[in-house]
N, C-alpha and C. Protein backbone atom coordinates (compact mmCIF):
# COMPACT_ATOMS: atom_id res chain seq x y z
N MET A 1 -2.86 -15.04 -8.19
CA MET A 1 -3.25 -14.26 -7.51
C MET A 1 -2.03 -14.40 -6.36
N LYS A 2 -1.79 -12.52 -6.00
CA LYS A 2 -0.58 -12.56 -5.72
C LYS A 2 -0.75 -11.59 -4.27
N ALA A 3 0.03 -11.83 -3.19
CA ALA A 3 -0.37 -10.73 -1.83
C ALA A 3 0.67 -10.55 -0.94
N PHE A 4 0.86 -9.37 -0.63
CA PHE A 4 2.25 -8.32 -0.07
C PHE A 4 2.38 -7.81 0.68
N SER A 5 3.25 -7.67 2.71
CA SER A 5 2.77 -7.23 2.98
C SER A 5 4.04 -6.29 2.50
N ILE A 6 3.60 -4.47 2.23
CA ILE A 6 4.53 -3.78 2.22
C ILE A 6 4.56 -2.99 3.17
N ASN A 7 6.17 -2.47 3.81
CA ASN A 7 5.75 -1.24 3.95
C ASN A 7 6.71 -0.42 4.03
N VAL A 8 6.38 0.80 3.92
CA VAL A 8 6.90 2.53 3.29
C VAL A 8 7.49 3.14 4.08
N THR A 9 8.54 3.67 4.91
CA THR A 9 8.83 4.77 4.81
C THR A 9 9.61 6.11 4.80
N GLY A 10 10.06 6.63 5.05
CA GLY A 10 9.73 8.26 4.74
C GLY A 10 9.26 9.26 4.94
N LYS A 11 9.03 10.06 5.14
CA LYS A 11 7.40 11.05 4.91
C LYS A 11 5.88 10.94 4.55
N VAL A 12 6.01 9.89 5.22
CA VAL A 12 4.84 8.94 4.23
C VAL A 12 3.76 9.62 5.12
N GLN A 13 3.26 9.80 6.67
CA GLN A 13 1.92 10.11 7.59
C GLN A 13 2.17 11.33 7.36
N GLY A 14 0.61 12.04 8.04
CA GLY A 14 0.43 13.86 7.06
C GLY A 14 0.56 13.93 5.83
N VAL A 15 0.38 13.28 4.80
CA VAL A 15 0.16 13.67 3.95
C VAL A 15 -0.43 13.43 2.60
N PHE A 16 -1.57 12.48 3.07
CA PHE A 16 -2.46 11.79 2.52
C PHE A 16 -2.06 10.20 1.97
N PHE A 17 -1.12 10.09 2.48
CA PHE A 17 -0.88 8.54 1.69
C PHE A 17 -1.50 7.42 1.73
N ARG A 18 -2.47 6.83 2.81
CA ARG A 18 -3.13 6.18 2.93
C ARG A 18 -4.61 6.24 2.01
N LYS A 19 -4.82 7.50 1.53
CA LYS A 19 -5.89 7.78 1.12
C LYS A 19 -5.99 7.62 -0.22
N HIS A 20 -4.53 8.68 -0.83
CA HIS A 20 -4.09 8.15 -1.75
C HIS A 20 -3.99 6.50 -2.59
N SER A 21 -3.50 5.68 -0.95
CA SER A 21 -3.48 4.35 -1.22
C SER A 21 -4.90 3.88 -1.42
N LYS A 22 -5.82 4.34 -0.88
CA LYS A 22 -7.13 3.65 -1.66
C LYS A 22 -7.18 4.05 -2.55
N LEU A 23 -7.27 4.88 -3.09
CA LEU A 23 -7.48 5.34 -4.01
C LEU A 23 -7.30 4.95 -5.77
N ARG A 24 -6.00 4.20 -5.49
CA ARG A 24 -5.06 4.11 -6.08
C ARG A 24 -5.12 2.30 -5.69
N ALA A 25 -4.70 2.02 -5.16
CA ALA A 25 -5.81 0.66 -4.64
C ALA A 25 -7.45 0.14 -5.38
N ASP A 26 -8.35 1.09 -5.58
CA ASP A 26 -8.98 0.79 -6.48
C ASP A 26 -9.06 1.53 -7.36
N GLU A 27 -8.83 2.14 -8.03
CA GLU A 27 -7.86 1.91 -9.75
C GLU A 27 -7.71 0.61 -10.94
N LEU A 28 -6.47 -0.25 -9.33
CA LEU A 28 -6.58 -0.47 -10.21
C LEU A 28 -7.03 -2.23 -9.37
N GLY A 29 -7.88 -2.63 -9.22
CA GLY A 29 -8.69 -3.59 -8.72
C GLY A 29 -7.50 -4.43 -7.21
N VAL A 30 -6.75 -3.34 -6.55
CA VAL A 30 -5.96 -4.09 -5.42
C VAL A 30 -7.18 -4.52 -3.81
N HIS A 31 -6.64 -5.48 -3.16
CA HIS A 31 -7.34 -5.44 -2.19
C HIS A 31 -6.79 -5.48 -1.29
N GLY A 32 -7.35 -5.52 -0.21
CA GLY A 32 -6.26 -5.29 1.78
C GLY A 32 -6.91 -3.85 2.01
N TRP A 33 -5.45 -3.67 2.95
CA TRP A 33 -5.45 -2.42 3.69
C TRP A 33 -4.25 -1.65 4.72
N VAL A 34 -4.66 -0.77 4.50
CA VAL A 34 -3.10 0.45 4.25
C VAL A 34 -3.72 1.20 5.97
N ARG A 35 -2.53 1.24 6.82
CA ARG A 35 -2.38 1.82 7.78
C ARG A 35 -1.55 2.37 8.82
N ASN A 36 -1.24 3.41 9.66
CA ASN A 36 -0.46 4.16 9.54
C ASN A 36 0.36 3.12 10.93
N LEU A 37 1.45 3.42 11.24
CA LEU A 37 1.98 2.58 12.60
C LEU A 37 3.16 3.19 13.20
N GLU A 38 3.43 3.28 14.86
CA GLU A 38 3.91 4.15 15.77
C GLU A 38 4.97 4.78 14.84
N ASP A 39 6.09 3.93 14.21
CA ASP A 39 6.93 4.52 14.05
C ASP A 39 7.36 5.29 13.04
N GLY A 40 6.09 5.83 12.79
CA GLY A 40 5.60 6.75 11.60
C GLY A 40 5.93 6.17 9.76
N SER A 41 5.42 5.40 9.69
CA SER A 41 5.42 4.48 8.12
C SER A 41 4.54 4.33 8.42
N VAL A 42 3.85 3.74 6.89
CA VAL A 42 2.47 2.97 6.39
C VAL A 42 2.47 1.55 6.07
N LEU A 43 2.14 0.53 6.89
CA LEU A 43 1.58 -0.73 6.24
C LEU A 43 0.45 -1.10 5.56
N ILE A 44 0.63 -1.98 4.74
CA ILE A 44 0.18 -2.18 3.49
C ILE A 44 0.16 -3.64 3.49
N GLU A 45 -1.37 -4.59 3.44
CA GLU A 45 -1.29 -5.79 3.16
C GLU A 45 -2.40 -5.62 1.47
N ALA A 46 -1.90 -6.21 0.89
CA ALA A 46 -2.81 -6.16 -0.60
C ALA A 46 -2.31 -7.12 -1.08
N GLU A 47 -3.48 -7.32 -1.97
CA GLU A 47 -3.45 -8.53 -2.67
C GLU A 47 -4.10 -8.68 -4.48
N GLY A 48 -3.60 -8.71 -5.62
CA GLY A 48 -4.28 -9.04 -6.35
C GLY A 48 -3.47 -9.78 -7.18
N ARG A 49 -3.50 -9.22 -8.79
CA ARG A 49 -3.18 -9.99 -10.16
C ARG A 49 -1.71 -9.43 -9.98
N GLU A 50 -0.63 -10.45 -10.33
CA GLU A 50 0.42 -10.37 -10.53
C GLU A 50 0.80 -8.85 -11.81
N GLU A 51 1.09 -8.46 -12.06
CA GLU A 51 1.09 -7.58 -13.06
C GLU A 51 0.05 -6.44 -12.28
N THR A 52 -0.77 -6.99 -11.33
CA THR A 52 -1.87 -5.21 -11.02
C THR A 52 -0.65 -4.97 -9.59
N MET A 53 -0.18 -5.95 -9.21
CA MET A 53 0.63 -5.56 -7.95
C MET A 53 2.20 -5.16 -8.33
N ARG A 54 2.49 -5.87 -8.95
CA ARG A 54 3.64 -5.08 -9.26
C ARG A 54 3.07 -3.89 -9.74
N ALA A 55 2.08 -3.17 -10.52
CA ALA A 55 2.22 -1.49 -10.83
C ALA A 55 1.72 -0.61 -9.30
N PHE A 56 0.76 -1.67 -8.18
CA PHE A 56 0.35 -1.41 -7.21
C PHE A 56 1.92 -0.88 -6.66
N ILE A 57 3.11 -1.63 -6.51
CA ILE A 57 4.09 -1.00 -5.63
C ILE A 57 4.95 -0.44 -6.12
N GLN A 58 5.26 -0.36 -7.26
CA GLN A 58 5.58 0.65 -8.06
C GLN A 58 5.23 2.38 -7.74
N TRP A 59 3.69 2.38 -7.57
CA TRP A 59 3.08 3.57 -7.16
C TRP A 59 3.47 3.67 -5.68
N CYS A 60 3.95 2.59 -4.62
CA CYS A 60 4.13 3.12 -3.43
C CYS A 60 6.04 2.88 -3.50
N HIS A 61 6.86 3.60 -3.92
CA HIS A 61 7.61 3.58 -4.34
C HIS A 61 7.70 5.37 -4.47
N PHE A 62 6.31 5.20 -4.61
CA PHE A 62 6.75 7.49 -5.01
C PHE A 62 5.94 7.89 -4.09
N GLY A 63 4.30 7.22 -3.97
CA GLY A 63 3.34 7.19 -3.21
C GLY A 63 2.50 8.85 -3.47
N PRO A 64 2.08 9.80 -2.98
CA PRO A 64 1.33 11.46 -3.75
C PRO A 64 2.38 12.07 -3.78
N GLU A 65 1.68 13.41 -4.14
CA GLU A 65 3.16 14.52 -4.48
C GLU A 65 3.63 14.73 -3.31
N ARG A 66 2.95 15.49 -2.00
CA ARG A 66 3.32 15.31 -0.41
C ARG A 66 4.43 14.44 -0.65
N ALA A 67 4.21 13.14 -0.06
CA ALA A 67 5.47 12.08 0.44
C ALA A 67 6.64 12.05 0.17
N GLU A 68 7.47 11.69 0.47
CA GLU A 68 9.10 11.35 0.48
C GLU A 68 9.62 10.20 0.82
N VAL A 69 9.20 9.36 -0.51
CA VAL A 69 9.40 8.01 0.14
C VAL A 69 11.09 7.82 0.27
N ASP A 70 11.60 6.62 1.12
CA ASP A 70 12.83 6.90 1.98
C ASP A 70 13.31 4.99 1.48
N LYS A 71 12.00 4.56 1.32
CA LYS A 71 12.24 2.64 1.24
C LYS A 71 10.79 1.97 1.73
N VAL A 72 11.03 1.40 0.50
CA VAL A 72 9.65 0.02 0.77
C VAL A 72 10.16 -1.19 0.74
N ASP A 73 9.72 -2.18 1.57
CA ASP A 73 9.88 -2.64 2.27
C ASP A 73 8.76 -4.52 1.97
N VAL A 74 8.75 -5.16 0.94
CA VAL A 74 8.09 -6.09 -0.12
C VAL A 74 8.44 -7.34 0.33
N LYS A 75 7.04 -8.17 1.62
CA LYS A 75 7.33 -9.41 1.40
C LYS A 75 5.75 -9.04 0.86
N GLU A 76 6.28 -10.81 0.11
CA GLU A 76 5.32 -11.67 -0.37
C GLU A 76 4.53 -12.82 0.61
N ILE A 77 3.21 -12.55 1.05
CA ILE A 77 2.07 -13.38 1.94
C ILE A 77 1.44 -14.02 1.86
N ASP A 78 1.22 -14.72 2.33
CA ASP A 78 -0.74 -15.78 1.37
C ASP A 78 -1.77 -15.06 1.21
N ASN A 79 -2.19 -15.36 0.26
CA ASN A 79 -3.70 -14.71 -0.04
C ASN A 79 -4.32 -15.18 1.38
N LEU A 80 -4.93 -13.73 1.69
CA LEU A 80 -6.15 -14.09 2.93
C LEU A 80 -7.51 -13.47 2.38
N GLY A 81 -8.06 -13.29 1.15
CA GLY A 81 -9.52 -13.02 0.59
C GLY A 81 -9.77 -12.29 0.67
N TYR A 82 -9.31 -10.79 1.36
CA TYR A 82 -9.97 -9.41 1.01
C TYR A 82 -11.00 -9.39 0.37
N ARG A 83 -11.46 -8.45 0.43
CA ARG A 83 -12.40 -7.62 -0.12
C ARG A 83 -12.61 -6.06 -0.46
N GLY A 84 -12.33 -5.31 -1.42
CA GLY A 84 -12.11 -4.20 -0.89
C GLY A 84 -10.96 -3.68 -1.04
N PHE A 85 -10.98 -3.01 0.00
CA PHE A 85 -9.52 -2.14 0.22
C PHE A 85 -9.95 -1.33 0.99
N GLU A 86 -9.55 -0.80 2.47
CA GLU A 86 -10.38 0.27 3.27
C GLU A 86 -8.47 0.22 4.01
N ILE A 87 -9.24 1.41 4.94
CA ILE A 87 -7.59 2.55 5.63
C ILE A 87 -8.20 2.05 7.03
N ARG A 88 -7.39 1.60 7.53
CA ARG A 88 -7.49 1.45 9.31
C ARG A 88 -6.72 2.11 9.72
N ARG A 89 -7.27 2.21 11.00
CA ARG A 89 -6.57 3.24 12.48
C ARG A 89 -5.17 2.65 13.26
């Protein structure tokens, strides 16, 4: 299992990025959470199998149709044993 903190910047709020992150995470079996930050970016903490996380991080570079991703910062973190994937406010 691998875990990552993923910060996505660009036009990523107001385009259903969090909702689509959850849908993609659920499809892949990724666990963790996603939330909007005050600076306009989206922060994700996610964990899963290495190949699954590669696919999820790759999706983050594009996001949903209306998103315009400028940058994706990825940092490996300790596994925290998340169950499911949730949208946080």
